[in-house]
Amino acid sequence: MTASYQTNALDISYNGWENYETWNVALWIQNDETLYHLAMEIGNYEDFVASLGELTDRMQTPDGVRYDDPAVNVIQLNSNVFDL
Protein backbone atom coordinates (compact mmCIF):
# COMPACT_ATOMS: atom_id res chain seq x y z
CA MET A 1 0.00 0.00 0.00
CA THR A 2 1.31 3.43 -0.89
CA ALA A 3 0.41 6.76 0.58
CA SER A 4 -0.12 9.98 -1.32
CA TYR A 5 0.68 13.30 0.29
CA GLN A 6 -0.10 16.83 -0.78
CA THR A 7 3.29 18.33 -1.58
CA ASN A 8 2.17 21.93 -1.95
CA ALA A 9 -0.13 23.44 0.65
CA LEU A 10 -1.28 26.00 -1.93
CA ASP A 11 -2.35 23.34 -4.43
CA ILE A 12 -6.12 23.65 -4.38
CA SER A 13 -6.78 22.33 -7.86
CA TYR A 14 -9.49 19.86 -8.69
CA ASN A 15 -8.11 16.96 -10.76
CA GLY A 16 -5.78 19.39 -12.52
CA TRP A 17 -8.48 22.01 -13.07
CA GLU A 18 -8.89 25.23 -11.11
CA ASN A 19 -12.10 24.14 -9.40
CA TYR A 20 -14.98 21.68 -9.46
CA GLU A 21 -17.09 23.79 -11.82
CA THR A 22 -14.36 24.02 -14.47
CA TRP A 23 -13.54 20.31 -14.16
CA ASN A 24 -17.20 19.30 -14.40
CA VAL A 25 -17.86 21.44 -17.49
CA ALA A 26 -14.70 20.13 -19.19
CA LEU A 27 -15.66 16.57 -18.33
CA TRP A 28 -19.09 16.87 -19.92
CA ILE A 29 -17.87 18.67 -23.03
CA GLN A 30 -15.18 16.08 -23.63
CA ASN A 31 -17.41 13.07 -22.95
CA ASP A 32 -20.72 14.02 -24.56
CA GLU A 33 -20.50 13.47 -28.31
CA THR A 34 -22.97 16.21 -29.21
CA LEU A 35 -21.33 18.79 -26.95
CA TYR A 36 -17.85 17.79 -28.10
CA HIS A 37 -18.66 18.22 -31.80
CA LEU A 38 -20.38 21.53 -31.11
CA ALA A 39 -17.37 22.75 -29.11
CA MET A 40 -14.92 21.76 -31.85
CA GLU A 41 -17.07 23.45 -34.48
CA ILE A 42 -17.39 26.69 -32.51
CA GLY A 43 -13.81 26.91 -31.27
CA ASN A 44 -14.06 28.92 -28.04
CA TYR A 45 -15.93 28.67 -24.78
CA GLU A 46 -17.72 32.02 -24.86
CA ASP A 47 -19.37 31.29 -28.22
CA PHE A 48 -20.06 27.72 -27.12
CA VAL A 49 -22.04 28.96 -24.10
CA ALA A 50 -23.90 31.49 -26.26
CA SER A 51 -24.90 28.72 -28.68
CA LEU A 52 -26.29 26.67 -25.79
CA GLY A 53 -28.84 29.42 -25.15
CA GLU A 54 -30.79 27.95 -28.05
CA LEU A 55 -30.84 24.56 -26.32
CA THR A 56 -32.66 25.38 -23.08
CA ASP A 57 -32.28 21.84 -21.75
CA ARG A 58 -28.49 22.11 -22.13
CA MET A 59 -27.71 25.19 -20.00
CA GLN A 60 -26.19 23.05 -17.27
CA THR A 61 -24.34 19.78 -16.97
CA PRO A 62 -26.29 16.72 -15.78
CA ASP A 63 -24.52 17.30 -12.45
CA GLY A 64 -26.15 20.73 -12.13
CA VAL A 65 -23.22 23.03 -12.95
CA ARG A 66 -24.35 25.87 -15.20
CA TYR A 67 -22.16 26.46 -18.25
CA ASP A 68 -22.34 30.20 -17.55
CA ASP A 69 -21.37 29.79 -13.88
CA PRO A 70 -18.96 32.62 -12.95
CA ALA A 71 -16.68 30.12 -11.20
CA VAL A 72 -15.90 28.38 -14.51
CA ASN A 73 -12.38 29.26 -15.66
CA VAL A 74 -12.97 30.25 -19.28
CA ILE A 75 -9.26 30.76 -20.01
CA GLN A 76 -8.39 27.27 -18.79
CA LEU A 77 -11.19 25.71 -20.85
CA ASN A 78 -10.15 27.59 -23.98
CA SER A 79 -6.56 26.41 -23.49
CA ASN A 80 -7.26 22.79 -22.61
CA VAL A 81 -10.53 21.86 -24.29
CA PHE A 82 -10.97 24.11 -27.28
CA ASP A 83 -7.37 23.91 -28.52
CA LEU A 84 -7.48 20.16 -29.13
PDB file of N, CA and C in Angstrom:
ATOM      1  N   MET A   1       0.843  -1.176   0.000  1.00  0.00           N
ATOM      2  CA  MET A   1       0.000   0.000   0.000  1.00  0.00           C
ATOM      3  C   MET A   1       0.888   1.239   0.000  1.00  0.00           C
ATOM      4  N   THR A   2       0.541   2.195  -0.841  1.00  0.00           N
ATOM      5  CA  THR A   2       1.309   3.425  -0.893  1.00  0.00           C
ATOM      6  C   THR A   2       0.450   4.579  -0.409  1.00  0.00           C
ATOM      7  N   ALA A   3       1.109   5.575   0.099  1.00  0.00           N
ATOM      8  CA  ALA A   3       0.412   6.764   0.584  1.00  0.00           C
ATOM      9  C   ALA A   3       0.689   7.919  -0.364  1.00  0.00           C
ATOM     10  N   SER A   4      -0.273   8.785  -0.491  1.00  0.00           N
ATOM     11  CA  SER A   4      -0.120   9.979  -1.316  1.00  0.00           C
ATOM     12  C   SER A   4      -0.263  11.198  -0.427  1.00  0.00           C
ATOM     13  N   TYR A   5       0.693  12.113  -0.553  1.00  0.00           N
ATOM     14  CA  TYR A   5       0.677  13.298   0.291  1.00  0.00           C
ATOM     15  C   TYR A   5       0.617  14.546  -0.580  1.00  0.00           C
ATOM     16  N   GLN A   6      -0.063  15.544  -0.097  1.00  0.00           N
ATOM     17  CA  GLN A   6      -0.104  16.828  -0.785  1.00  0.00           C
ATOM     18  C   GLN A   6       1.254  17.487  -0.581  1.00  0.00           C
ATOM     19  N   THR A   7       1.943  17.772  -1.689  1.00  0.00           N
ATOM     20  CA  THR A   7       3.286  18.325  -1.582  1.00  0.00           C
ATOM     21  C   THR A   7       3.299  19.847  -1.536  1.00  0.00           C
ATOM     22  N   ASN A   8       2.222  20.474  -1.936  1.00  0.00           N
ATOM     23  CA  ASN A   8       2.169  21.926  -1.950  1.00  0.00           C
ATOM     24  C   ASN A   8       0.894  22.357  -1.239  1.00  0.00           C
ATOM     25  N   ALA A   9       1.036  23.038  -0.133  1.00  0.00           N
ATOM     26  CA  ALA A   9      -0.131  23.442   0.650  1.00  0.00           C
ATOM     27  C   ALA A   9      -1.029  24.411  -0.115  1.00  0.00           C
ATOM     28  N   LEU A  10      -0.488  25.062  -1.154  1.00  0.00           N
ATOM     29  CA  LEU A  10      -1.281  26.004  -1.928  1.00  0.00           C
ATOM     30  C   LEU A  10      -1.972  25.339  -3.118  1.00  0.00           C
ATOM     31  N   ASP A  11      -1.739  24.051  -3.307  1.00  0.00           N
ATOM     32  CA  ASP A  11      -2.347  23.335  -4.431  1.00  0.00           C
ATOM     33  C   ASP A  11      -3.808  23.031  -4.096  1.00  0.00           C
ATOM     34  N   ILE A  12      -4.703  23.829  -4.662  1.00  0.00           N
ATOM     35  CA  ILE A  12      -6.123  23.650  -4.382  1.00  0.00           C
ATOM     36  C   ILE A  12      -6.878  23.254  -5.640  1.00  0.00           C
ATOM     37  N   SER A  13      -6.152  22.686  -6.593  1.00  0.00           N
ATOM     38  CA  SER A  13      -6.781  22.333  -7.862  1.00  0.00           C
ATOM     39  C   SER A  13      -7.698  21.131  -7.708  1.00  0.00           C
ATOM     40  N   TYR A  14      -8.537  20.950  -8.690  1.00  0.00           N
ATOM     41  CA  TYR A  14      -9.489  19.860  -8.693  1.00  0.00           C
ATOM     42  C   TYR A  14      -9.192  18.983  -9.911  1.00  0.00           C
ATOM     43  N   ASN A  15      -8.490  17.873  -9.686  1.00  0.00           N
ATOM     44  CA  ASN A  15      -8.107  16.961 -10.764  1.00  0.00           C
ATOM     45  C   ASN A  15      -7.376  17.688 -11.890  1.00  0.00           C
ATOM     46  N   GLY A  16      -6.536  18.642 -11.538  1.00  0.00           N
ATOM     47  CA  GLY A  16      -5.776  19.394 -12.515  1.00  0.00           C
ATOM     48  C   GLY A  16      -6.482  20.627 -13.053  1.00  0.00           C
ATOM     49  N   TRP A  17      -7.704  20.834 -12.651  1.00  0.00           N
ATOM     50  CA  TRP A  17      -8.476  22.009 -13.072  1.00  0.00           C
ATOM     51  C   TRP A  17      -8.557  22.967 -11.892  1.00  0.00           C
ATOM     52  N   GLU A  18      -8.869  24.220 -12.172  1.00  0.00           N
ATOM     53  CA  GLU A  18      -8.886  25.230 -11.112  1.00  0.00           C
ATOM     54  C   GLU A  18      -9.895  24.920 -10.017  1.00  0.00           C
ATOM     55  N   ASN A  19     -11.060  24.401 -10.389  1.00  0.00           N
ATOM     56  CA  ASN A  19     -12.104  24.137  -9.400  1.00  0.00           C
ATOM     57  C   ASN A  19     -13.074  23.085  -9.939  1.00  0.00           C
ATOM     58  N   TYR A  20     -14.001  22.702  -9.095  1.00  0.00           N
ATOM     59  CA  TYR A  20     -14.980  21.679  -9.464  1.00  0.00           C
ATOM     60  C   TYR A  20     -15.797  22.087 -10.678  1.00  0.00           C
ATOM     61  N   GLU A  21     -16.234  23.331 -10.723  1.00  0.00           N
ATOM     62  CA  GLU A  21     -17.091  23.786 -11.818  1.00  0.00           C
ATOM     63  C   GLU A  21     -16.379  23.665 -13.168  1.00  0.00           C
ATOM     64  N   THR A  22     -15.120  24.095 -13.227  1.00  0.00           N
ATOM     65  CA  THR A  22     -14.356  24.016 -14.472  1.00  0.00           C
ATOM     66  C   THR A  22     -14.134  22.565 -14.860  1.00  0.00           C
ATOM     67  N   TRP A  23     -13.755  21.732 -13.896  1.00  0.00           N
ATOM     68  CA  TRP A  23     -13.538  20.310 -14.156  1.00  0.00           C
ATOM     69  C   TRP A  23     -14.816  19.645 -14.669  1.00  0.00           C
ATOM     70  N   ASN A  24     -15.942  19.932 -14.036  1.00  0.00           N
ATOM     71  CA  ASN A  24     -17.203  19.303 -14.399  1.00  0.00           C
ATOM     72  C   ASN A  24     -17.635  19.692 -15.813  1.00  0.00           C
ATOM     73  N   VAL A  25     -17.514  20.976 -16.146  1.00  0.00           N
ATOM     74  CA  VAL A  25     -17.865  21.441 -17.489  1.00  0.00           C
ATOM     75  C   VAL A  25     -16.954  20.781 -18.522  1.00  0.00           C
ATOM     76  N   ALA A  26     -15.644  20.759 -18.263  1.00  0.00           N
ATOM     77  CA  ALA A  26     -14.702  20.134 -19.192  1.00  0.00           C
ATOM     78  C   ALA A  26     -15.015  18.648 -19.371  1.00  0.00           C
ATOM     79  N   LEU A  27     -15.329  17.987 -18.291  1.00  0.00           N
ATOM     80  CA  LEU A  27     -15.655  16.566 -18.332  1.00  0.00           C
ATOM     81  C   LEU A  27     -16.847  16.297 -19.246  1.00  0.00           C
ATOM     82  N   TRP A  28     -17.893  17.085 -19.105  1.00  0.00           N
ATOM     83  CA  TRP A  28     -19.088  16.867 -19.919  1.00  0.00           C
ATOM     84  C   TRP A  28     -18.865  17.231 -21.378  1.00  0.00           C
ATOM     85  N   ILE A  29     -18.131  18.298 -21.636  1.00  0.00           N
ATOM     86  CA  ILE A  29     -17.871  18.674 -23.029  1.00  0.00           C
ATOM     87  C   ILE A  29     -17.043  17.591 -23.711  1.00  0.00           C
ATOM     88  N   GLN A  30     -16.064  17.069 -23.018  1.00  0.00           N
ATOM     89  CA  GLN A  30     -15.178  16.081 -23.626  1.00  0.00           C
ATOM     90  C   GLN A  30     -15.794  14.686 -23.714  1.00  0.00           C
ATOM     91  N   ASN A  31     -16.846  14.417 -22.970  1.00  0.00           N
ATOM     92  CA  ASN A  31     -17.406  13.067 -22.948  1.00  0.00           C
ATOM     93  C   ASN A  31     -18.829  12.949 -23.478  1.00  0.00           C
ATOM     94  N   ASP A  32     -19.403  14.043 -23.926  1.00  0.00           N
ATOM     95  CA  ASP A  32     -20.720  14.018 -24.559  1.00  0.00           C
ATOM     96  C   ASP A  32     -20.494  14.307 -26.041  1.00  0.00           C
ATOM     97  N   GLU A  33     -20.817  13.351 -26.887  1.00  0.00           N
ATOM     98  CA  GLU A  33     -20.495  13.472 -28.309  1.00  0.00           C
ATOM     99  C   GLU A  33     -21.083  14.728 -28.946  1.00  0.00           C
ATOM    100  N   THR A  34     -22.331  15.031 -28.644  1.00  0.00           N
ATOM    101  CA  THR A  34     -22.974  16.213 -29.213  1.00  0.00           C
ATOM    102  C   THR A  34     -22.278  17.489 -28.765  1.00  0.00           C
ATOM    103  N   LEU A  35     -22.006  17.606 -27.468  1.00  0.00           N
ATOM    104  CA  LEU A  35     -21.331  18.788 -26.953  1.00  0.00           C
ATOM    105  C   LEU A  35     -19.915  18.900 -27.504  1.00  0.00           C
ATOM    106  N   TYR A  36     -19.220  17.781 -27.600  1.00  0.00           N
ATOM    107  CA  TYR A  36     -17.853  17.789 -28.101  1.00  0.00           C
ATOM    108  C   TYR A  36     -17.794  18.308 -29.538  1.00  0.00           C
ATOM    109  N   HIS A  37     -18.653  17.777 -30.406  1.00  0.00           N
ATOM    110  CA  HIS A  37     -18.656  18.219 -31.802  1.00  0.00           C
ATOM    111  C   HIS A  37     -19.048  19.694 -31.918  1.00  0.00           C
ATOM    112  N   LEU A  38     -19.990  20.122 -31.113  1.00  0.00           N
ATOM    113  CA  LEU A  38     -20.379  21.532 -31.107  1.00  0.00           C
ATOM    114  C   LEU A  38     -19.197  22.403 -30.667  1.00  0.00           C
ATOM    115  N   ALA A  39     -18.513  22.000 -29.613  1.00  0.00           N
ATOM    116  CA  ALA A  39     -17.365  22.752 -29.107  1.00  0.00           C
ATOM    117  C   ALA A  39     -16.261  22.842 -30.155  1.00  0.00           C
ATOM    118  N   MET A  40     -15.972  21.750 -30.836  1.00  0.00           N
ATOM    119  CA  MET A  40     -14.919  21.756 -31.847  1.00  0.00           C
ATOM    120  C   MET A  40     -15.307  22.618 -33.047  1.00  0.00           C
ATOM    121  N   GLU A  41     -16.584  22.636 -33.369  1.00  0.00           N
ATOM    122  CA  GLU A  41     -17.065  23.448 -34.482  1.00  0.00           C
ATOM    123  C   GLU A  41     -16.989  24.943 -34.141  1.00  0.00           C
ATOM    124  N   ILE A  42     -17.333  25.291 -32.923  1.00  0.00           N
ATOM    125  CA  ILE A  42     -17.392  26.687 -32.513  1.00  0.00           C
ATOM    126  C   ILE A  42     -15.999  27.248 -32.219  1.00  0.00           C
ATOM    127  N   GLY A  43     -15.198  26.525 -31.457  1.00  0.00           N
ATOM    128  CA  GLY A  43     -13.810  26.911 -31.269  1.00  0.00           C
ATOM    129  C   GLY A  43     -13.439  27.710 -30.038  1.00  0.00           C
ATOM    130  N   ASN A  44     -14.399  28.258 -29.302  1.00  0.00           N
ATOM    131  CA  ASN A  44     -14.059  28.923 -28.041  1.00  0.00           C
ATOM    132  C   ASN A  44     -15.245  28.825 -27.085  1.00  0.00           C
ATOM    133  N   TYR A  45     -14.916  28.928 -25.801  1.00  0.00           N
ATOM    134  CA  TYR A  45     -15.926  28.673 -24.781  1.00  0.00           C
ATOM    135  C   TYR A  45     -17.035  29.715 -24.746  1.00  0.00           C
ATOM    136  N   GLU A  46     -16.702  30.960 -24.934  1.00  0.00           N
ATOM    137  CA  GLU A  46     -17.717  32.017 -24.861  1.00  0.00           C
ATOM    138  C   GLU A  46     -18.801  31.809 -25.915  1.00  0.00           C
ATOM    139  N   ASP A  47     -18.398  31.529 -27.155  1.00  0.00           N
ATOM    140  CA  ASP A  47     -19.368  31.295 -28.220  1.00  0.00           C
ATOM    141  C   ASP A  47     -20.112  29.973 -28.017  1.00  0.00           C
ATOM    142  N   PHE A  48     -19.428  29.002 -27.437  1.00  0.00           N
ATOM    143  CA  PHE A  48     -20.056  27.716 -27.121  1.00  0.00           C
ATOM    144  C   PHE A  48     -21.223  27.930 -26.153  1.00  0.00           C
ATOM    145  N   VAL A  49     -20.989  28.694 -25.093  1.00  0.00           N
ATOM    146  CA  VAL A  49     -22.040  28.959 -24.104  1.00  0.00           C
ATOM    147  C   VAL A  49     -23.185  29.738 -24.749  1.00  0.00           C
ATOM    148  N   ALA A  50     -22.851  30.701 -25.582  1.00  0.00           N
ATOM    149  CA  ALA A  50     -23.895  31.485 -26.261  1.00  0.00           C
ATOM    150  C   ALA A  50     -24.754  30.586 -27.151  1.00  0.00           C
ATOM    151  N   SER A  51     -24.138  29.619 -27.807  1.00  0.00           N
ATOM    152  CA  SER A  51     -24.899  28.721 -28.677  1.00  0.00           C
ATOM    153  C   SER A  51     -25.801  27.787 -27.875  1.00  0.00           C
ATOM    154  N   LEU A  52     -25.452  27.529 -26.625  1.00  0.00           N
ATOM    155  CA  LEU A  52     -26.290  26.668 -25.788  1.00  0.00           C
ATOM    156  C   LEU A  52     -27.577  27.358 -25.385  1.00  0.00           C
ATOM    157  N   GLY A  53     -27.634  28.676 -25.482  1.00  0.00           N
ATOM    158  CA  GLY A  53     -28.842  29.416 -25.152  1.00  0.00           C
ATOM    159  C   GLY A  53     -30.024  28.976 -25.990  1.00  0.00           C
ATOM    160  N   GLU A  54     -29.736  28.455 -27.173  1.00  0.00           N
ATOM    161  CA  GLU A  54     -30.793  27.947 -28.046  1.00  0.00           C
ATOM    162  C   GLU A  54     -31.295  26.587 -27.586  1.00  0.00           C
ATOM    163  N   LEU A  55     -30.478  25.893 -26.820  1.00  0.00           N
ATOM    164  CA  LEU A  55     -30.837  24.562 -26.319  1.00  0.00           C
ATOM    165  C   LEU A  55     -31.136  24.679 -24.831  1.00  0.00           C
ATOM    166  N   THR A  56     -32.330  25.071 -24.478  1.00  0.00           N
ATOM    167  CA  THR A  56     -32.658  25.383 -23.084  1.00  0.00           C
ATOM    168  C   THR A  56     -32.431  24.220 -22.131  1.00  0.00           C
ATOM    169  N   ASP A  57     -32.506  22.989 -22.622  1.00  0.00           N
ATOM    170  CA  ASP A  57     -32.276  21.843 -21.753  1.00  0.00           C
ATOM    171  C   ASP A  57     -30.785  21.575 -21.558  1.00  0.00           C
ATOM    172  N   ARG A  58     -29.930  22.335 -22.196  1.00  0.00           N
ATOM    173  CA  ARG A  58     -28.488  22.113 -22.132  1.00  0.00           C
ATOM    174  C   ARG A  58     -27.727  23.235 -21.424  1.00  0.00           C
ATOM    175  N   MET A  59     -28.391  24.073 -20.651  1.00  0.00           N
ATOM    176  CA  MET A  59     -27.707  25.193 -20.005  1.00  0.00           C
ATOM    177  C   MET A  59     -26.914  24.785 -18.765  1.00  0.00           C
ATOM    178  N   GLN A  60     -27.001  23.527 -18.386  1.00  0.00           N
ATOM    179  CA  GLN A  60     -26.194  23.045 -17.269  1.00  0.00           C
ATOM    180  C   GLN A  60     -25.813  21.599 -17.515  1.00  0.00           C
ATOM    181  N   THR A  61     -24.758  21.166 -16.847  1.00  0.00           N
ATOM    182  CA  THR A  61     -24.342  19.775 -16.966  1.00  0.00           C
ATOM    183  C   THR A  61     -25.367  18.892 -16.246  1.00  0.00           C
ATOM    184  N   PRO A  62     -25.387  17.610 -16.525  1.00  0.00           N
ATOM    185  CA  PRO A  62     -26.292  16.721 -15.784  1.00  0.00           C
ATOM    186  C   PRO A  62     -26.026  16.715 -14.272  1.00  0.00           C
ATOM    187  N   ASP A  63     -24.845  17.210 -13.877  1.00  0.00           N
ATOM    188  CA  ASP A  63     -24.520  17.304 -12.453  1.00  0.00           C
ATOM    189  C   ASP A  63     -24.982  18.622 -11.837  1.00  0.00           C
ATOM    190  N   GLY A  64     -25.581  19.492 -12.647  1.00  0.00           N
ATOM    191  CA  GLY A  64     -26.147  20.731 -12.130  1.00  0.00           C
ATOM    192  C   GLY A  64     -25.252  21.953 -12.181  1.00  0.00           C
ATOM    193  N   VAL A  65     -24.098  21.865 -12.827  1.00  0.00           N
ATOM    194  CA  VAL A  65     -23.219  23.029 -12.955  1.00  0.00           C
ATOM    195  C   VAL A  65     -23.633  23.788 -14.212  1.00  0.00           C
ATOM    196  N   ARG A  66     -23.960  25.060 -14.051  1.00  0.00           N
ATOM    197  CA  ARG A  66     -24.349  25.874 -15.200  1.00  0.00           C
ATOM    198  C   ARG A  66     -23.117  26.210 -16.032  1.00  0.00           C
ATOM    199  N   TYR A  67     -23.275  26.135 -17.354  1.00  0.00           N
ATOM    200  CA  TYR A  67     -22.163  26.456 -18.245  1.00  0.00           C
ATOM    201  C   TYR A  67     -21.756  27.921 -18.122  1.00  0.00           C
ATOM    202  N   ASP A  68     -22.668  28.783 -17.721  1.00  0.00           N
ATOM    203  CA  ASP A  68     -22.341  30.198 -17.554  1.00  0.00           C
ATOM    204  C   ASP A  68     -22.030  30.560 -16.097  1.00  0.00           C
ATOM    205  N   ASP A  69     -21.730  29.567 -15.281  1.00  0.00           N
ATOM    206  CA  ASP A  69     -21.372  29.795 -13.880  1.00  0.00           C
ATOM    207  C   ASP A  69     -20.120  30.674 -13.821  1.00  0.00           C
ATOM    208  N   PRO A  70     -20.132  31.736 -13.020  1.00  0.00           N
ATOM    209  CA  PRO A  70     -18.963  32.622 -12.954  1.00  0.00           C
ATOM    210  C   PRO A  70     -17.710  31.948 -12.392  1.00  0.00           C
ATOM    211  N   ALA A  71     -17.849  30.819 -11.736  1.00  0.00           N
ATOM    212  CA  ALA A  71     -16.683  30.116 -11.201  1.00  0.00           C
ATOM    213  C   ALA A  71     -15.932  29.331 -12.274  1.00  0.00           C
ATOM    214  N   VAL A  72     -16.546  29.118 -13.436  1.00  0.00           N
ATOM    215  CA  VAL A  72     -15.900  28.375 -14.511  1.00  0.00           C
ATOM    216  C   VAL A  72     -14.746  29.202 -15.066  1.00  0.00           C
ATOM    217  N   ASN A  73     -13.569  28.582 -15.148  1.00  0.00           N
ATOM    218  CA  ASN A  73     -12.384  29.262 -15.659  1.00  0.00           C
ATOM    219  C   ASN A  73     -12.378  29.159 -17.183  1.00  0.00           C
ATOM    220  N   VAL A  74     -12.837  30.208 -17.832  1.00  0.00           N
ATOM    221  CA  VAL A  74     -12.971  30.247 -19.285  1.00  0.00           C
ATOM    222  C   VAL A  74     -11.605  30.138 -19.966  1.00  0.00           C
ATOM    223  N   ILE A  75     -10.603  30.787 -19.420  1.00  0.00           N
ATOM    224  CA  ILE A  75      -9.264  30.756 -20.010  1.00  0.00           C
ATOM    225  C   ILE A  75      -8.711  29.339 -19.999  1.00  0.00           C
ATOM    226  N   GLN A  76      -8.889  28.635 -18.899  1.00  0.00           N
ATOM    227  CA  GLN A  76      -8.390  27.266 -18.795  1.00  0.00           C
ATOM    228  C   GLN A  76      -9.133  26.346 -19.763  1.00  0.00           C
ATOM    229  N   LEU A  77     -10.435  26.520 -19.901  1.00  0.00           N
ATOM    230  CA  LEU A  77     -11.194  25.711 -20.851  1.00  0.00           C
ATOM    231  C   LEU A  77     -10.771  25.989 -22.291  1.00  0.00           C
ATOM    232  N   ASN A  78     -10.596  27.261 -22.634  1.00  0.00           N
ATOM    233  CA  ASN A  78     -10.149  27.591 -23.983  1.00  0.00           C
ATOM    234  C   ASN A  78      -8.785  26.992 -24.282  1.00  0.00           C
ATOM    235  N   SER A  79      -7.907  26.950 -23.294  1.00  0.00           N
ATOM    236  CA  SER A  79      -6.562  26.409 -23.493  1.00  0.00           C
ATOM    237  C   SER A  79      -6.530  24.888 -23.552  1.00  0.00           C
ATOM    238  N   ASN A  80      -7.371  24.233 -22.755  1.00  0.00           N
ATOM    239  CA  ASN A  80      -7.256  22.786 -22.606  1.00  0.00           C
ATOM    240  C   ASN A  80      -8.351  21.979 -23.303  1.00  0.00           C
ATOM    241  N   VAL A  81      -9.445  22.586 -23.631  1.00  0.00           N
ATOM    242  CA  VAL A  81     -10.530  21.857 -24.289  1.00  0.00           C
ATOM    243  C   VAL A  81     -10.684  22.303 -25.739  1.00  0.00           C
ATOM    244  N   PHE A  82     -10.671  23.594 -25.961  1.00  0.00           N
ATOM    245  CA  PHE A  82     -10.972  24.113 -27.282  1.00  0.00           C
ATOM    246  C   PHE A  82      -9.762  24.197 -28.191  1.00  0.00           C
ATOM    247  N   ASP A  83      -8.580  23.927 -27.694  1.00  0.00           N
ATOM    248  CA  ASP A  83      -7.373  23.910 -28.523  1.00  0.00           C
ATOM    249  C   ASP A  83      -6.935  22.498 -28.879  1.00  0.00           C
ATOM    250  N   LEU A  84      -7.840  21.545 -28.815  1.00  0.00           N
ATOM    251  CA  LEU A  84      -7.479  20.160 -29.134  1.00  0.00           C
ATOM    252  C   LEU A  84      -7.339  19.957 -30.624  1.00  0.00           C
TER     253      LEU A  84
END
